[in-house]
Amino acid sequence: MISVFGSDIGPREIEAVAAVMRSQWVGFGRAVDQFEQAFTARLGLPAFAMVDSGSNALFLAIRLLDLPPGSEVIVPSFTWVSCAQAVLLAGHRPVFCDVDPVTMNIRREDVEACRSPRTTAVMVVHYAGLPVEIDPILDLGLPVVEDAAHAVDARHRGRACGGIGDVGIYSFDAVKNLTAGEGGGITARDPARIERARRLRYCGIGKSGFEAAAAGTGDRRWWEYDIAEAFIKMLPTNIAAAMAGVQLERLAELQERRRAVWELYDREFDGLAAVIRPPRAAQGDRHGLFTYCIRARDRDRLARRLLEQGIYTTLRYHPLHLNALYGQTGRRLPNCERLNDEALSLPLHPRLTLDEAARVAAAVRGFYAG
């Protein structure tokens, strides 16, 4: 079976994890510090903190904004459920907006169509790694949470995606462009927010007992601590950080493999009327290349035919406003609903060979050839 998503874990990642295990310090520690420093430098961020998942990073991002309880946060409906769950679990109401049917990204007009006196923030998602046209949204004057889970290597007008809004998050789960097995991270324009994030991720405790002892505490018992705020634990591990550190060093190589597959698909589908190819990044931007998401005629039947031929495809994501949990199933978001019927993610990951990608493309073309 040709997998739709995947990662490439090589001997360097394996040795980095083994070294952590040999050290016997497998939890939060020095490897996390090293990854945070390297990631901050690589993306040119003012500050960055690693956490245990991208989903928890989203929850932390909402918390850092200190929004009024019960207020509304506008979220694109065409995104992963964690975006809405983070808003809901932080004590706010997600309000779903439509997206551009071509870029699959949120636009200023989509935000304005949903804005109300109760709106206190906007979440933007760089879908598939394509940078959102974010400046017009920032100009609305609302705090912006930037979900760059797909966009760790994407840039918009020279700026790293994730580092443009008030707070931004990344995901390092098993199928992302940079994987830690599981993990995430958070950045912010104001470094003070990241200092607060570092406290919150350890149950609101400023320093561990070991850190306090190493720093010197005078007459104070180093195992005693002050709790700044009540919060859940979302510490990353040295194991995850060690893997992520090697992946960061290999990111250009891994992205080139993705780009080669992307270019093959673009060539193979050029002129195929039944398939709308995903858009390229605008001039001066860089695409994150997370997923090659087409829009296809007779999408469901195409997906089944590909599965019969050993090719797994999927749709990321089922529009959230269609889920009863959020109480908005009566709303009409026509572009999201159209994408729900037409969009399909084809296999794209760094282990995918060009021969396999060519097989995928031939199967798609063969389906429409009759």
Protein backbone atom coordinates (compact mmCIF):
# COMPACT_ATOMS: atom_id res chain seq x y z
CA MET A 1 0.00 0.00 0.00
CA ILE A 2 1.33 3.45 -0.91
CA SER A 3 0.82 5.65 2.14
CA VAL A 4 -0.60 9.14 1.82
CA PHE A 5 1.53 10.60 4.64
CA GLY A 6 4.78 9.59 6.27
CA SER A 7 8.17 10.62 7.57
CA ASP A 8 11.76 9.55 7.02
CA ILE A 9 13.58 8.37 10.15
CA GLY A 10 17.20 7.51 9.43
CA PRO A 11 20.25 6.32 11.34
CA ARG A 12 21.06 9.78 12.64
CA GLU A 13 17.67 10.11 14.35
CA ILE A 14 17.98 6.60 15.75
CA GLU A 15 21.43 7.32 17.17
CA ALA A 16 20.29 10.64 18.68
CA VAL A 17 17.42 8.89 20.48
CA ALA A 18 19.71 6.04 21.55
CA ALA A 19 22.19 8.55 22.99
CA VAL A 20 19.42 10.09 25.09
CA MET A 21 18.37 6.67 26.32
CA ARG A 22 21.95 5.75 27.19
CA SER A 23 22.20 8.97 29.20
CA GLN A 24 19.20 7.81 31.29
CA TRP A 25 17.76 11.35 31.09
CA VAL A 26 14.82 10.66 28.81
CA GLY A 27 12.39 13.31 30.09
CA PHE A 28 12.55 17.08 29.85
CA GLY A 29 16.14 18.35 29.76
CA ARG A 30 19.11 19.59 27.80
CA ALA A 31 18.07 18.14 24.43
CA VAL A 32 14.89 20.23 24.62
CA ASP A 33 16.96 23.38 25.26
CA GLN A 34 19.20 22.57 22.31
CA PHE A 35 16.29 22.01 19.94
CA GLU A 36 14.57 25.21 21.05
CA GLN A 37 17.72 27.22 20.38
CA ALA A 38 18.30 25.62 16.97
CA PHE A 39 14.67 26.01 15.90
CA THR A 40 14.58 29.67 16.99
CA ALA A 41 17.72 30.39 14.97
CA ARG A 42 16.64 28.38 11.90
CA LEU A 43 13.31 30.19 11.57
CA GLY A 44 14.46 33.57 12.86
CA LEU A 45 11.90 33.68 15.67
CA PRO A 46 12.06 36.05 18.66
CA ALA A 47 11.44 33.14 21.05
CA PHE A 48 10.19 29.54 20.96
CA ALA A 49 9.14 26.88 23.46
CA MET A 50 8.65 23.19 22.71
CA VAL A 51 5.66 21.31 24.13
CA ASP A 52 4.37 17.76 23.89
CA SER A 53 1.99 18.20 20.91
CA GLY A 54 0.73 20.68 18.38
CA SER A 55 -2.77 20.34 19.80
CA ASN A 56 -1.57 21.36 23.26
CA ALA A 57 0.38 24.22 21.68
CA LEU A 58 -2.92 25.54 20.29
CA PHE A 59 -4.56 25.38 23.71
CA LEU A 60 -1.57 27.15 25.25
CA ALA A 61 -1.67 29.81 22.52
CA ILE A 62 -5.30 30.64 23.29
CA ARG A 63 -4.50 30.79 27.00
CA LEU A 64 -1.63 33.22 26.42
CA LEU A 65 -3.99 35.74 24.82
CA ASP A 66 -6.05 36.15 28.04
CA LEU A 67 -9.30 36.53 26.11
CA PRO A 68 -12.53 37.37 27.96
CA PRO A 69 -14.30 34.19 29.15
CA GLY A 70 -16.99 33.01 26.74
CA SER A 71 -15.83 35.26 23.91
CA GLU A 72 -15.71 34.15 20.27
CA VAL A 73 -12.70 33.11 18.23
CA ILE A 74 -13.07 32.86 14.45
CA VAL A 75 -11.65 29.59 13.07
CA PRO A 76 -11.65 28.28 9.48
CA SER A 77 -14.02 25.34 9.22
CA PHE A 78 -11.69 23.51 6.83
CA THR A 79 -9.07 22.50 9.39
CA TRP A 80 -8.18 19.92 12.03
CA VAL A 81 -10.42 19.44 15.05
CA SER A 82 -7.71 20.56 17.50
CA CYS A 83 -8.15 24.13 16.32
CA ALA A 84 -11.75 24.20 17.54
CA GLN A 85 -11.10 22.06 20.60
CA ALA A 86 -8.40 24.44 21.82
CA VAL A 87 -10.82 27.35 21.67
CA LEU A 88 -13.64 25.39 23.31
CA LEU A 89 -11.52 23.92 26.10
CA ALA A 90 -10.02 27.32 26.88
CA GLY A 91 -13.52 28.58 27.68
CA HIS A 92 -14.40 30.32 24.42
CA ARG A 93 -16.68 29.70 21.44
CA PRO A 94 -15.25 28.76 18.04
CA VAL A 95 -17.12 30.48 15.22
CA PHE A 96 -16.44 28.82 11.88
CA CYS A 97 -15.77 30.80 8.73
CA ASP A 98 -15.44 29.83 5.08
CA VAL A 99 -12.17 29.66 3.13
CA ASP A 100 -10.97 30.47 -0.35
CA PRO A 101 -11.88 27.51 -2.60
CA VAL A 102 -8.58 27.76 -4.49
CA THR A 103 -6.02 28.27 -1.71
CA MET A 104 -8.18 26.55 0.95
CA ASN A 105 -7.00 29.32 3.28
CA ILE A 106 -8.87 31.88 5.38
CA ARG A 107 -9.23 35.39 3.93
CA ARG A 108 -10.03 38.78 5.44
CA GLU A 109 -13.53 38.75 3.91
CA ASP A 110 -14.21 35.36 5.52
CA VAL A 111 -13.31 36.83 8.91
CA GLU A 112 -15.40 39.95 8.36
CA ALA A 113 -18.44 37.83 7.43
CA CYS A 114 -18.33 36.18 10.88
CA ARG A 115 -17.13 39.03 13.07
CA SER A 116 -19.43 40.18 15.87
CA PRO A 117 -19.12 42.34 18.99
CA ARG A 118 -18.17 39.13 20.84
CA THR A 119 -15.23 38.34 18.53
CA THR A 120 -11.94 38.63 20.38
CA ALA A 121 -9.43 36.73 18.18
CA VAL A 122 -8.87 34.98 14.85
CA MET A 123 -7.10 31.72 14.11
CA VAL A 124 -5.43 31.38 10.71
CA VAL A 125 -4.22 28.05 9.33
CA HIS A 126 -1.63 27.77 6.54
CA TYR A 127 -3.44 24.90 4.86
CA ALA A 128 -1.16 22.28 3.25
CA GLY A 129 1.76 24.65 3.88
CA LEU A 130 0.53 27.44 1.58
CA PRO A 131 1.05 30.79 3.36
CA VAL A 132 -2.10 32.70 4.24
CA GLU A 133 -2.34 36.29 3.01
CA ILE A 134 -2.15 37.32 6.64
CA ASP A 135 -1.46 41.06 6.67
CA PRO A 136 -5.04 42.12 5.75
CA ILE A 137 -6.26 39.94 8.64
CA LEU A 138 -3.77 41.49 11.04
CA ASP A 139 -5.02 44.91 9.94
CA LEU A 140 -8.42 44.10 11.46
CA GLY A 141 -6.83 44.72 14.87
CA LEU A 142 -7.81 41.39 16.42
CA PRO A 143 -5.25 39.10 18.09
CA VAL A 144 -4.19 36.42 15.61
CA VAL A 145 -3.31 32.82 16.47
CA GLU A 146 -1.26 31.40 13.61
CA ASP A 147 -1.44 27.64 13.08
CA ALA A 148 1.69 26.66 11.15
CA ALA A 149 1.34 22.91 11.77
CA HIS A 150 1.69 22.38 7.99
CA ALA A 151 4.11 25.22 7.45
CA VAL A 152 7.32 24.67 9.41
CA ASP A 153 9.40 25.47 6.29
CA ALA A 154 7.00 28.00 4.74
CA ARG A 155 7.68 31.71 4.49
CA HIS A 156 5.45 34.67 3.67
CA ARG A 157 7.17 37.79 2.36
CA GLY A 158 10.41 36.75 3.98
CA ARG A 159 8.87 35.93 7.36
CA ALA A 160 8.62 32.45 8.85
CA CYS A 161 5.04 31.23 8.96
CA GLY A 162 4.06 30.85 12.60
CA GLY A 163 6.08 33.91 13.57
CA ILE A 164 3.85 36.57 12.00
CA GLY A 165 0.72 36.56 14.21
CA ASP A 166 0.52 37.40 17.89
CA VAL A 167 1.15 33.76 18.77
CA GLY A 168 1.99 30.85 16.47
CA ILE A 169 2.21 27.10 16.79
CA TYR A 170 3.95 24.17 15.11
CA SER A 171 3.31 20.43 15.05
CA PHE A 172 6.00 17.73 15.03
CA ASP A 173 3.76 14.66 14.97
CA ALA A 174 4.53 11.46 13.11
CA VAL A 175 3.59 12.68 9.61
CA LYS A 176 4.63 16.33 9.69
CA ASN A 177 7.48 17.78 7.63
CA LEU A 178 9.64 17.75 10.77
CA THR A 179 8.77 14.92 13.12
CA ALA A 180 9.56 14.23 16.76
CA GLY A 181 7.22 11.22 16.80
CA GLU A 182 4.90 13.53 18.71
CA GLY A 183 5.52 17.10 19.72
CA GLY A 184 4.77 20.73 19.09
CA GLY A 185 5.93 24.22 19.82
CA ILE A 186 4.84 27.80 20.29
CA THR A 187 6.23 31.21 19.41
CA ALA A 188 5.05 34.79 19.91
CA ARG A 189 5.95 38.27 18.77
CA ASP A 190 6.27 39.24 22.44
CA PRO A 191 8.99 37.07 24.04
CA ALA A 192 7.35 37.63 27.46
CA ARG A 193 4.54 35.35 26.29
CA ILE A 194 7.03 32.56 25.69
CA GLU A 195 8.52 33.04 29.13
CA ARG A 196 5.01 32.57 30.48
CA ALA A 197 4.54 29.53 28.23
CA ARG A 198 7.67 27.96 29.73
CA ARG A 199 6.14 28.29 33.20
CA LEU A 200 2.70 27.06 32.17
CA ARG A 201 3.91 23.91 30.39
CA TYR A 202 5.19 22.56 33.73
CA CYS A 203 1.91 22.83 35.64
CA GLY A 204 2.53 26.56 36.16
CA ILE A 205 5.79 25.95 38.07
CA GLY A 206 8.65 28.28 37.22
CA LYS A 207 11.55 25.86 37.74
CA SER A 208 12.02 22.21 38.56
CA GLY A 209 13.70 21.23 41.82
CA PHE A 210 16.84 20.20 39.93
CA GLU A 211 17.05 23.56 38.14
CA ALA A 212 16.55 25.41 41.41
CA ALA A 213 19.26 23.35 43.12
CA ALA A 214 21.68 23.86 40.20
CA ALA A 215 21.01 27.62 40.23
CA GLY A 216 21.72 27.90 43.95
CA THR A 217 18.98 28.77 46.41
CA GLY A 218 20.75 30.04 49.48
CA ASP A 219 18.95 28.86 52.58
CA ARG A 220 15.79 27.94 50.70
CA ARG A 221 14.77 24.30 50.20
CA TRP A 222 15.17 23.81 46.46
CA TRP A 223 12.40 21.24 46.27
CA GLU A 224 9.81 23.82 47.28
CA TYR A 225 8.27 25.92 44.54
CA ASP A 226 5.77 28.64 43.77
CA ILE A 227 2.93 28.00 41.32
CA ALA A 228 2.39 31.01 39.08
CA GLU A 229 -0.83 29.77 37.42
CA ALA A 230 -2.91 26.60 37.38
CA PHE A 231 -2.21 24.71 34.18
CA ILE A 232 -1.81 21.20 32.78
CA LYS A 233 1.55 19.53 32.18
CA MET A 234 2.68 19.57 28.56
CA LEU A 235 6.45 19.11 28.82
CA PRO A 236 8.30 17.60 25.85
CA THR A 237 10.90 14.89 26.31
CA ASN A 238 14.59 14.69 25.47
CA ILE A 239 13.72 11.70 23.28
CA ALA A 240 11.35 13.77 21.12
CA ALA A 241 13.69 16.77 21.06
CA ALA A 242 16.69 14.67 20.01
CA MET A 243 14.76 13.26 17.06
CA ALA A 244 13.44 16.70 16.16
CA GLY A 245 16.91 18.20 16.29
CA VAL A 246 18.21 15.82 13.64
CA GLN A 247 15.08 16.32 11.53
CA LEU A 248 15.67 20.09 11.70
CA GLU A 249 19.21 19.60 10.40
CA ARG A 250 17.81 17.43 7.57
CA LEU A 251 14.83 19.65 6.79
CA ALA A 252 16.17 21.03 3.50
CA GLU A 253 16.88 17.49 2.25
CA LEU A 254 13.45 16.22 3.32
CA GLN A 255 11.71 19.19 1.68
CA GLU A 256 13.57 18.61 -1.59
CA ARG A 257 12.17 15.08 -1.72
CA ARG A 258 8.67 16.45 -1.20
CA ARG A 259 9.26 19.09 -3.86
CA ALA A 260 10.35 16.48 -6.42
CA VAL A 261 7.09 14.57 -5.91
CA TRP A 262 5.07 17.80 -6.08
CA GLU A 263 6.71 18.75 -9.39
CA LEU A 264 6.04 15.29 -10.82
CA TYR A 265 2.35 15.55 -9.95
CA ASP A 266 2.16 19.04 -11.43
CA ARG A 267 3.62 17.81 -14.72
CA GLU A 268 1.44 14.70 -14.86
CA PHE A 269 -1.80 16.56 -14.18
CA ASP A 270 -1.10 19.50 -16.46
CA GLY A 271 -3.97 19.65 -18.93
CA LEU A 272 -6.09 17.04 -17.10
CA ALA A 273 -9.43 18.87 -16.96
CA ALA A 274 -10.92 16.60 -14.28
CA VAL A 275 -8.22 17.55 -11.76
CA ILE A 276 -7.53 20.99 -10.31
CA ARG A 277 -3.97 21.12 -9.04
CA PRO A 278 -3.13 22.86 -5.75
CA PRO A 279 -1.88 26.43 -6.14
CA ARG A 280 1.76 27.38 -5.90
CA ALA A 281 2.98 29.94 -3.39
CA ALA A 282 2.80 33.58 -4.39
CA GLN A 283 5.86 35.44 -5.63
CA GLY A 284 8.26 35.89 -2.72
CA ASP A 285 6.59 33.17 -0.60
CA ARG A 286 7.67 29.57 0.05
CA HIS A 287 5.23 26.68 0.23
CA GLY A 288 5.54 24.21 3.13
CA LEU A 289 4.65 21.22 0.89
CA PHE A 290 2.77 19.26 3.54
CA THR A 291 0.09 17.69 1.35
CA TYR A 292 -0.70 17.69 -2.36
CA CYS A 293 -4.43 18.32 -2.22
CA ILE A 294 -6.25 18.23 -5.55
CA ARG A 295 -9.86 18.98 -6.40
CA ALA A 296 -11.23 16.16 -8.49
CA ARG A 297 -14.36 15.33 -10.45
CA ASP A 298 -16.14 12.25 -9.07
CA ARG A 299 -13.79 12.39 -6.07
CA ASP A 300 -15.32 9.58 -4.00
CA ARG A 301 -15.19 7.06 -6.84
CA LEU A 302 -11.63 8.12 -7.66
CA ALA A 303 -10.53 7.54 -4.03
CA ARG A 304 -12.11 4.09 -4.00
CA ARG A 305 -10.47 3.13 -7.30
CA LEU A 306 -7.07 4.24 -6.04
CA LEU A 307 -7.56 2.25 -2.83
CA GLU A 308 -8.34 -0.85 -4.91
CA GLN A 309 -4.99 -0.31 -6.62
CA GLY A 310 -3.08 -0.09 -3.35
CA ILE A 311 -2.94 3.71 -3.13
CA TYR A 312 -4.23 5.28 0.08
CA THR A 313 -5.63 8.81 -0.17
CA THR A 314 -7.64 10.92 2.24
CA LEU A 315 -9.22 14.31 2.82
CA ARG A 316 -7.73 16.64 5.38
CA TYR A 317 -10.15 17.92 6.69
CA HIS A 318 -13.87 17.28 7.22
CA PRO A 319 -15.38 20.77 7.73
CA LEU A 320 -15.86 21.42 11.43
CA HIS A 321 -19.14 23.29 11.10
CA LEU A 322 -20.71 20.01 9.96
CA ASN A 323 -19.91 18.39 13.33
CA ALA A 324 -22.87 18.51 15.72
CA LEU A 325 -20.65 19.10 18.78
CA TYR A 326 -20.23 22.76 17.93
CA GLY A 327 -23.90 23.52 17.28
CA GLN A 328 -23.36 25.18 13.89
CA THR A 329 -24.60 22.51 11.46
CA GLY A 330 -27.32 24.86 10.24
CA ARG A 331 -24.78 27.31 8.84
CA ARG A 332 -23.82 27.36 5.17
CA LEU A 333 -20.15 27.66 4.32
CA PRO A 334 -20.33 26.84 0.60
CA ASN A 335 -16.61 26.74 -0.18
CA CYS A 336 -15.84 24.39 2.71
CA GLU A 337 -18.76 22.19 1.72
CA ARG A 338 -17.61 22.13 -1.89
CA LEU A 339 -14.11 21.14 -0.81
CA ASN A 340 -15.66 18.40 1.30
CA ASP A 341 -17.02 16.90 -1.92
CA GLU A 342 -14.07 17.57 -4.23
CA ALA A 343 -10.76 17.75 -2.33
CA LEU A 344 -8.41 14.77 -2.01
CA SER A 345 -4.88 14.51 -0.59
CA LEU A 346 -2.58 12.38 -2.73
CA PRO A 347 0.49 10.61 -1.32
CA LEU A 348 3.29 13.05 -0.50
CA HIS A 349 6.08 12.37 1.97
CA PRO A 350 9.89 12.02 1.97
CA ARG A 351 9.90 8.19 1.76
CA LEU A 352 7.73 8.20 -1.34
CA THR A 353 9.81 7.32 -4.40
CA LEU A 354 9.35 9.03 -7.74
CA ASP A 355 8.36 5.66 -9.21
CA GLU A 356 5.60 5.38 -6.63
CA ALA A 357 4.48 8.94 -7.29
CA ALA A 358 4.41 8.18 -11.01
CA ARG A 359 2.24 5.15 -10.26
CA VAL A 360 -0.18 7.38 -8.32
CA ALA A 361 -0.34 9.89 -11.16
CA ALA A 362 -0.87 7.17 -13.76
CA ALA A 363 -3.71 5.69 -11.69
CA VAL A 364 -5.42 9.09 -11.47
CA ARG A 365 -5.04 9.70 -15.20
CA GLY A 366 -6.18 6.15 -15.95
CA PHE A 367 -9.36 6.66 -13.91
CA TYR A 368 -10.40 9.60 -16.06
CA ALA A 369 -9.30 7.92 -19.28
CA GLY A 370 -12.21 5.56 -18.82
